[in-house]
Amino acid sequence: MEEEQRPSSSGLPPIDTPATGVSSVNVESLSLTVVKDEQEPTKHKRRHSTRRQSHKGPIQLPDVNLDPTLIRSFDQSQNIYYYNTITEVSTWLAPCCFCQKPADRWCLDCQRSYCDHDYVKKHDKYNMKDHKWQFKEALPPVKLQPGEEYCIACKSKAAFKMCLNCCDPYCLACFGLVHHVGALKAHKAMPINRYKMGWMTIRNHADRIDTFVNGTTGETMEDKPIELLSEWEKTTLENIKSHKEAVLGYLETLEKLRAELVVVRKERDRAVVETTKTISELRAKAEAKTRMEEAASAKEKSMKG
C-alpha cells in the first residue's frame, strides 16, 4: 500500500523519499526553490528600505483604547488618575500606549503614557528627544485668546480670577483648591478682566498699609497713583511739590552760604595769625630799642660821674 503524500508546510510540491535514504527532488520543486531564494533578498531589501523611510517621518501614535476595567477620574486637586475596578488599585497613568504595561511617564507633547523602555526607544528613534514629560497625566493647555493668561497653578487653563492678596491669576477650580485652608480663606479676588482695567487698591487690614496695583502694566506702588487722586488731593499734592521745591532751593542756598562761611573763617584765621606774628615782631623790636636806650643813658651817666 502506497503512503499518502502530504503537502509540505512551505506550500511547495511534495518531496519523494526513497528507501535508499538519498533525497531526490523533482525538477519543478527545485526550480521553485531557486526562484524563492532569488526573490528573498529583494523582499528583505524592500522591507529594510521601507523601515528606513518610516523613521524619517513623525511617529504614528496608537489610538487610546482604555481597558473597560479602568475608570479615568479627577481627584480634589484636579489631578487625573485611573481606577481599576477589578484590582481596586489607582494609578496616575494609563498603561503604556505601545506595550500596555504599567506606564512610568506622560509625554506632554505626544499626550500619551509610556513605560520607561518605550519612551526612550520611541523618542530616540523618531528624533523627539526635545519632548517634555512628567509623572502625572496633564490636560493639553487651552488656546488662549488675546489678553488672556494661564492659571499660575495648573498652567493649562485660562485664568479667570485675580487674587488681590497674592496678585496671582487663577482659574476657578485652582483658586478654590489653593484658597480653601488657613489664612488663604480671607484672600479676596475679582474677575481678571476687571482687574486689568487699571489701578486697584489692595487694603491690608493687618498692617494698615494700602498697596496699589495696575492690572494692565503690572506696576505696584505704595503711593496713591495720580489717576486715583481727587481734585483736593491733586491741589494739595501740587502745593506740597511747590513747597518742597522751595525748601530744596533754600537748602541749596544755605549750603552755598555755609561753604562761603568756611572760606571766610579760614581767611580770618590766617589774618589773625599774621597780625599776631607782626605784633610780636614789633613788640620784640620795641623792647630791644628800649633796652638799647637804657644802656646808652646808663653809660652817659657813668661817664659824667
Protein backbone atom coordinates (compact mmCIF):
# COMPACT_ATOMS: atom_id res chain seq x y z
CA MET A 1 0.00 0.00 0.00
CA GLU A 2 1.40 3.28 -1.07
CA GLU A 3 1.82 6.03 1.56
CA GLU A 4 -0.28 9.11 1.08
CA GLN A 5 1.82 12.11 0.10
CA ARG A 6 1.31 15.08 2.42
CA PRO A 7 1.84 18.65 1.30
CA SER A 8 4.85 20.38 2.78
CA SER A 9 4.41 23.19 5.23
CA SER A 10 6.15 25.57 2.86
CA GLY A 11 3.50 25.16 0.19
CA LEU A 12 5.97 23.55 -2.27
CA PRO A 13 5.29 20.27 -4.10
CA PRO A 14 5.93 17.11 -2.05
CA ILE A 15 9.36 15.53 -1.91
CA ASP A 16 9.75 11.82 -2.69
CA THR A 17 11.82 9.99 -0.11
CA PRO A 18 13.09 6.69 -1.44
CA ALA A 19 14.04 3.84 0.83
CA THR A 20 17.68 4.29 0.00
CA GLY A 21 17.88 7.35 2.30
CA VAL A 22 19.11 9.59 -0.51
CA SER A 23 16.85 12.57 -1.08
CA SER A 24 15.81 13.21 -4.63
CA VAL A 25 13.93 16.37 -5.54
CA ASN A 26 11.95 16.71 -8.76
CA VAL A 27 12.81 19.43 -11.22
CA GLU A 28 9.71 21.51 -10.58
CA SER A 29 10.34 21.78 -6.83
CA LEU A 30 13.98 22.64 -7.45
CA SER A 31 13.08 25.41 -9.82
CA LEU A 32 10.54 26.85 -7.38
CA THR A 33 13.07 26.76 -4.59
CA VAL A 34 15.58 28.64 -6.68
CA VAL A 35 13.01 31.26 -7.60
CA LYS A 36 12.15 31.73 -3.96
CA ASP A 37 15.80 32.12 -2.98
CA GLU A 38 16.31 34.66 -5.72
CA GLN A 39 13.31 36.71 -4.64
CA GLU A 40 14.12 36.58 -0.91
CA PRO A 41 16.88 39.27 -0.94
CA THR A 42 14.58 41.59 -2.86
CA LYS A 43 11.92 41.26 -0.18
CA HIS A 44 14.46 41.92 2.56
CA LYS A 45 15.76 44.96 0.74
CA ARG A 46 12.25 46.30 0.24
CA ARG A 47 11.42 45.73 3.89
CA HIS A 48 14.59 47.48 5.11
CA SER A 49 14.12 50.43 2.77
CA THR A 50 10.52 50.85 3.90
CA ARG A 51 11.63 50.76 7.52
CA ARG A 52 14.29 53.40 6.95
CA GLN A 53 11.79 55.65 5.21
CA SER A 54 9.31 55.34 8.07
CA HIS A 55 11.94 56.60 10.52
CA LYS A 56 12.15 59.90 8.69
CA GLY A 57 8.50 60.80 9.24
CA PRO A 58 6.70 61.50 12.53
CA ILE A 59 5.77 58.65 14.77
CA GLN A 60 2.27 57.24 14.36
CA LEU A 61 0.94 57.03 17.88
CA PRO A 62 -1.55 54.27 18.63
CA ASP A 63 -5.10 55.20 19.45
CA VAL A 64 -6.02 55.45 23.12
CA ASN A 65 -8.24 52.45 23.82
CA LEU A 66 -8.64 52.10 27.56
CA ASP A 67 -9.36 48.82 29.21
CA PRO A 68 -13.06 48.77 30.24
CA THR A 69 -11.94 47.95 33.76
CA LEU A 70 -10.13 51.32 34.04
CA ILE A 71 -12.04 54.46 35.08
CA ARG A 72 -10.46 57.82 34.35
CA SER A 73 -11.29 60.36 37.04
CA PHE A 74 -10.10 63.51 38.84
CA ASP A 75 -9.13 63.98 42.49
CA GLN A 76 -9.82 67.06 44.61
CA SER A 77 -6.71 68.77 43.24
CA GLN A 78 -7.86 68.21 39.64
CA ASN A 79 -5.17 65.55 39.08
CA ILE A 80 -6.08 62.79 36.63
CA TYR A 81 -5.90 59.22 37.89
CA TYR A 82 -7.09 55.76 36.80
CA TYR A 83 -9.01 53.34 38.99
CA ASN A 84 -9.05 49.61 38.21
CA THR A 85 -12.45 48.21 39.15
CA ILE A 86 -11.12 44.66 39.41
CA THR A 87 -7.93 45.14 41.43
CA GLU A 88 -9.25 48.31 43.15
CA VAL A 89 -5.85 49.93 42.57
CA SER A 90 -5.44 53.56 41.47
CA THR A 91 -2.58 54.76 39.29
CA TRP A 92 -1.63 58.16 37.94
CA LEU A 93 -1.21 56.91 34.37
CA ALA A 94 -2.96 54.58 31.97
CA PRO A 95 -0.98 51.60 30.64
CA CYS A 96 1.78 52.25 28.11
CA CYS A 97 0.26 53.09 24.73
CA PHE A 98 2.59 50.60 22.97
CA CYS A 99 3.17 47.58 25.21
CA GLN A 100 0.18 48.03 27.59
CA LYS A 101 2.49 47.56 30.58
CA PRO A 102 2.33 49.90 33.60
CA ALA A 103 3.35 53.37 32.44
CA ASP A 104 6.03 55.50 34.04
CA ARG A 105 5.93 58.75 32.06
CA TRP A 106 3.42 61.10 30.50
CA CYS A 107 4.71 62.91 27.42
CA LEU A 108 3.38 66.46 27.36
CA ASP A 109 3.96 66.73 23.60
CA CYS A 110 2.61 63.34 22.50
CA GLN A 111 -0.19 63.38 25.11
CA ARG A 112 0.44 59.66 25.65
CA SER A 113 1.66 57.48 28.51
CA TYR A 114 4.80 55.36 28.13
CA CYS A 115 6.81 52.89 30.10
CA ASP A 116 10.43 53.89 30.51
CA HIS A 117 11.61 51.44 27.85
CA ASP A 118 9.21 52.55 25.11
CA TYR A 119 9.62 56.24 25.92
CA VAL A 120 13.37 56.12 25.42
CA LYS A 121 13.10 53.80 22.42
CA LYS A 122 10.46 55.77 20.50
CA HIS A 123 11.73 59.24 21.33
CA ASP A 124 15.31 58.39 20.38
CA LYS A 125 14.22 56.59 17.23
CA TYR A 126 11.97 59.35 15.88
CA ASN A 127 14.07 62.37 16.91
CA MET A 128 11.74 63.51 19.69
CA LYS A 129 14.34 64.00 22.39
CA ASP A 130 13.15 67.56 22.97
CA HIS A 131 9.77 66.35 24.25
CA LYS A 132 8.98 67.03 27.89
CA TRP A 133 7.46 64.53 30.28
CA GLN A 134 6.20 64.22 33.84
CA PHE A 135 4.94 61.52 36.18
CA LYS A 136 1.25 62.51 36.02
CA GLU A 137 -1.12 62.91 33.12
CA ALA A 138 -1.87 66.51 32.23
CA LEU A 139 -4.51 68.03 30.03
CA PRO A 140 -3.21 69.88 26.97
CA PRO A 141 -3.15 73.66 27.53
CA VAL A 142 -6.12 75.50 26.10
CA LYS A 143 -5.51 78.04 23.36
CA LEU A 144 -5.50 81.50 24.92
CA GLN A 145 -7.47 84.34 23.46
CA PRO A 146 -5.86 87.80 23.10
CA GLY A 147 -5.33 89.33 26.54
CA GLU A 148 -5.69 86.03 28.44
CA GLU A 149 -3.04 84.26 30.50
CA TYR A 150 -2.65 80.80 32.00
CA CYS A 151 -3.58 79.90 35.57
CA ILE A 152 -0.48 80.07 37.76
CA ALA A 153 -1.36 76.74 39.41
CA CYS A 154 -2.38 74.32 36.62
CA LYS A 155 -0.78 76.23 33.71
CA SER A 156 -3.30 74.66 31.31
CA LYS A 157 -6.49 76.69 31.73
CA ALA A 158 -7.13 80.36 31.15
CA ALA A 159 -7.10 82.44 34.34
CA PHE A 160 -10.46 83.83 35.41
CA LYS A 161 -9.78 85.28 38.86
CA MET A 162 -7.04 87.50 40.24
CA CYS A 163 -6.21 87.12 43.92
CA LEU A 164 -5.87 90.65 45.32
CA ASN A 165 -3.56 89.45 48.10
CA CYS A 166 -1.34 87.05 46.14
CA CYS A 167 -1.53 89.15 42.94
CA ASP A 168 -1.62 85.85 41.01
CA PRO A 169 -4.09 84.70 38.32
CA TYR A 170 -6.11 81.51 38.88
CA CYS A 171 -8.75 79.52 37.08
CA LEU A 172 -11.93 78.92 39.08
CA ALA A 173 -11.02 75.37 40.11
CA CYS A 174 -7.46 76.16 41.21
CA PHE A 175 -8.49 79.28 43.13
CA GLY A 176 -10.88 77.22 45.23
CA LEU A 177 -8.28 74.50 45.82
CA VAL A 178 -5.47 76.89 46.81
CA HIS A 179 -7.56 79.24 48.96
CA HIS A 180 -9.62 76.79 50.99
CA VAL A 181 -7.36 76.48 54.06
CA GLY A 182 -5.80 78.73 56.70
CA ALA A 183 -5.30 82.43 56.18
CA LEU A 184 -5.79 81.97 52.42
CA LYS A 185 -9.53 81.77 53.03
CA ALA A 186 -9.55 85.50 53.78
CA HIS A 187 -7.96 86.41 50.45
CA LYS A 188 -10.18 88.42 48.16
CA ALA A 189 -10.42 88.08 44.40
CA MET A 190 -12.10 89.68 41.42
CA PRO A 191 -12.57 88.81 37.75
CA ILE A 192 -9.28 89.21 35.96
CA ASN A 193 -10.86 91.30 33.17
CA ARG A 194 -11.99 93.88 35.71
CA TYR A 195 -8.65 93.70 37.49
CA LYS A 196 -6.81 94.57 34.29
CA MET A 197 -8.85 97.73 33.65
CA GLY A 198 -6.47 99.96 35.65
CA TRP A 199 -5.31 100.77 39.17
CA MET A 200 -6.72 98.75 42.04
CA THR A 201 -6.34 99.29 45.81
CA ILE A 202 -5.33 96.30 47.92
CA ARG A 203 -6.04 97.06 51.57
CA ASN A 204 -4.02 95.16 54.18
CA HIS A 205 -6.01 95.38 57.40
CA ALA A 206 -3.26 93.76 59.47
CA ASP A 207 -0.53 96.31 58.63
CA ARG A 208 -2.97 99.09 57.66
CA ILE A 209 -0.92 99.75 54.55
CA ASP A 210 -2.58 100.19 51.17
CA THR A 211 -0.89 98.83 48.07
CA PHE A 212 -1.83 99.99 44.59
CA VAL A 213 -1.53 97.60 41.65
CA ASN A 214 -2.03 98.37 37.99
CA GLY A 215 -3.61 95.35 36.37
CA THR A 216 -2.66 96.49 32.88
CA THR A 217 1.03 97.25 33.38
CA GLY A 218 1.66 95.08 36.46
CA GLU A 219 3.17 98.08 38.30
CA THR A 220 2.96 98.03 42.10
CA MET A 221 3.43 101.06 44.36
CA GLU A 222 2.64 102.20 47.89
CA ASP A 223 1.95 105.85 46.99
CA LYS A 224 -1.51 106.58 45.66
CA PRO A 225 -1.39 106.96 41.84
CA ILE A 226 -2.32 110.32 40.32
CA GLU A 227 -5.20 108.68 38.41
CA LEU A 228 -6.92 107.85 41.72
CA LEU A 229 -6.45 111.28 43.38
CA SER A 230 -9.38 113.64 43.94
CA GLU A 231 -9.22 117.33 42.95
CA TRP A 232 -8.45 118.39 46.52
CA GLU A 233 -5.71 115.74 46.75
CA LYS A 234 -4.24 116.88 43.44
CA THR A 235 -4.19 120.54 44.63
CA THR A 236 -2.63 119.52 47.93
CA LEU A 237 -0.04 117.44 46.08
CA GLU A 238 0.86 120.39 43.83
CA ASN A 239 1.27 122.64 46.89
CA ILE A 240 3.45 120.06 48.57
CA LYS A 241 5.58 119.80 45.45
CA SER A 242 5.97 123.60 45.19
CA HIS A 243 6.86 123.88 48.89
CA LYS A 244 9.29 121.02 48.51
CA GLU A 245 10.98 122.74 45.58
CA ALA A 246 11.21 125.99 47.61
CA VAL A 247 12.68 124.17 50.58
CA LEU A 248 15.20 122.46 48.32
CA GLY A 249 16.15 125.90 46.93
CA TYR A 250 16.63 127.29 50.43
CA LEU A 251 18.72 124.31 51.40
CA GLU A 252 20.89 124.82 48.33
CA THR A 253 21.38 128.50 49.22
CA LEU A 254 22.23 127.63 52.81
CA GLU A 255 24.77 125.09 51.57
CA LYS A 256 26.44 127.73 49.41
CA LEU A 257 26.50 130.22 52.34
CA ARG A 258 27.93 127.55 54.59
CA ALA A 259 30.74 126.93 52.10
CA GLU A 260 31.43 130.69 51.81
CA LEU A 261 31.45 130.98 55.61
CA VAL A 262 34.05 128.24 55.82
CA VAL A 263 36.26 130.14 53.37
CA VAL A 264 35.81 133.42 55.28
CA ARG A 265 36.69 131.73 58.57
CA LYS A 266 39.86 130.31 57.08
CA GLU A 267 40.85 133.76 55.77
CA ARG A 268 40.06 135.29 59.17
CA ASP A 269 42.17 132.73 60.99
CA ARG A 270 45.02 133.30 58.54
CA ALA A 271 44.79 137.10 59.05
CA VAL A 272 44.75 136.70 62.85
CA VAL A 273 47.85 134.54 62.72
CA GLU A 274 49.68 137.01 60.50
CA THR A 275 48.61 140.00 62.66
CA THR A 276 49.69 138.23 65.83
CA LYS A 277 53.06 137.47 64.26
CA THR A 278 53.52 141.09 63.14
CA ILE A 279 52.60 142.41 66.61
CA SER A 280 55.04 140.01 68.22
CA GLU A 281 57.83 141.19 65.90
CA LEU A 282 57.07 144.88 66.55
CA ARG A 283 56.95 144.26 70.29
CA ALA A 284 60.31 142.50 70.18
CA LYS A 285 61.84 145.41 68.23
CA ALA A 286 60.40 147.97 70.67
CA GLU A 287 61.76 146.07 73.67
CA ALA A 288 65.20 145.81 72.04
CA LYS A 289 65.19 149.55 71.29
CA THR A 290 64.19 150.34 74.84
CA ARG A 291 66.98 148.21 76.23
CA MET A 292 69.48 149.93 73.95
CA GLU A 293 68.33 153.38 75.06
CA GLU A 294 68.54 152.42 78.73
CA ALA A 295 72.04 151.08 78.23
CA ALA A 296 73.13 154.27 76.42
CA SER A 297 71.75 156.58 79.17
CA ALA A 298 73.38 154.49 81.85
CA LYS A 299 76.70 154.78 80.02
CA GLU A 300 76.43 158.58 79.81
CA LYS A 301 75.69 158.88 83.49
CA SER A 302 78.73 156.79 84.39
CA MET A 303 80.97 158.92 82.20
CA LYS A 304 79.80 162.18 83.85
CA GLY A 305 80.25 160.84 87.28
